C-alpha atoms as a PDB file:
ATOM      1  CA  MET A   1      15.857  -0.386  -5.041  1.00  0.00           C
ATOM      2  CA  LEU A   2      13.607  -0.841  -1.987  1.00  0.00           C
ATOM      3  CA  ALA A   3      11.815   2.053  -0.291  1.00  0.00           C
ATOM      4  CA  THR A   4       9.606   1.865   2.810  1.00  0.00           C
ATOM      5  CA  LEU A   5       7.334   4.544   4.199  1.00  0.00           C
ATOM      6  CA  SER A   6       4.745   4.857   6.927  1.00  0.00           C
ATOM      7  CA  THR A   7       1.498   6.716   6.344  1.00  0.00           C
ATOM      8  CA  LEU A   8      -2.102   6.796   7.545  1.00  0.00           C
ATOM      9  CA  ALA A   9      -5.346   5.554   6.012  1.00  0.00           C
ATOM     10  CA  LEU A  10      -8.530   7.389   6.953  1.00  0.00           C
ATOM     11  CA  THR A  11     -11.474   5.248   8.046  1.00  0.00           C
ATOM     12  CA  GLY A  12     -14.301   7.630   8.873  1.00  0.00           C
ATOM     13  CA  ILE A  13     -12.806   9.970  11.471  1.00  0.00           C
ATOM     14  CA  GLU A  14     -10.121   7.484  12.540  1.00  0.00           C
ATOM     15  CA  ALA A  15      -6.647   7.225  11.042  1.00  0.00           C
ATOM     16  CA  LYS A  16      -5.026   3.781  10.909  1.00  0.00           C
ATOM     17  CA  PRO A  17      -1.281   3.299  10.348  1.00  0.00           C
ATOM     18  CA  VAL A  18      -0.220   1.766   7.013  1.00  0.00           C
ATOM     19  CA  LYS A  19       3.236   0.554   5.977  1.00  0.00           C
ATOM     20  CA  VAL A  20       4.035   0.843   2.249  1.00  0.00           C
ATOM     21  CA  GLU A  21       6.969  -0.931   0.589  1.00  0.00           C
ATOM     22  CA  VAL A  22       8.050  -0.216  -2.992  1.00  0.00           C
ATOM     23  CA  ASP A  23      10.627  -2.189  -4.964  1.00  0.00           C
ATOM     24  CA  ILE A  24      11.749  -0.891  -8.362  1.00  0.00           C
ATOM     25  CA  GLN A  25      13.419  -3.433 -10.655  1.00  0.00           C
ATOM     26  CA  ASN A  26      14.178  -3.860 -14.336  1.00  0.00           C
ATOM     27  CA  GLY A  27      11.715  -5.985 -16.286  1.00  0.00           C
ATOM     28  CA  LEU A  28       8.029  -5.980 -17.098  1.00  0.00           C
ATOM     29  CA  PRO A  29       5.694  -3.629 -15.188  1.00  0.00           C
ATOM     30  CA  ASN A  30       4.050  -5.402 -12.257  1.00  0.00           C
ATOM     31  CA  PHE A  31       1.763  -4.393  -9.373  1.00  0.00           C
ATOM     32  CA  ASP A  32       1.165  -6.668  -6.359  1.00  0.00           C
ATOM     33  CA  GLU A  33      -1.086  -6.044  -3.364  1.00  0.00           C
ATOM     34  CA  VAL A  34      -0.223  -8.038  -0.260  1.00  0.00           C
ATOM     35  CA  GLY A  35      -2.072  -8.214   3.045  1.00  0.00           C
ATOM     36  CA  MET A  36      -5.244  -6.399   1.990  1.00  0.00           C
ATOM     37  CA  LYS A  37      -8.207  -6.715   4.283  1.00  0.00           C
ATOM     38  CA  VAL A  38     -11.235  -8.494   2.762  1.00  0.00           C
ATOM     39  CA  GLY A  39     -13.874  -5.997   1.617  1.00  0.00           C
ATOM     40  CA  MET A  40     -11.456  -3.053   1.666  1.00  0.00           C
ATOM     41  CA  ASP A  41     -11.994  -0.644  -1.250  1.00  0.00           C
ATOM     42  CA  ILE A  42      -9.082   1.246  -2.788  1.00  0.00           C
ATOM     43  CA  LYS A  43      -9.802   4.185  -5.048  1.00  0.00           C
ATOM     44  CA  VAL A  44      -7.011   5.396  -7.308  1.00  0.00           C
END
């Protein structure tokens, strides 16, 4: 199953558009990050 959503990422006082795609399949758990900017920090 593939789901796509559009959201915003805050950078200081600016909001930048972000496209998120999620694919759920049977099998082993897996997490891939594609197209990340160098030096970008993600906090979960």
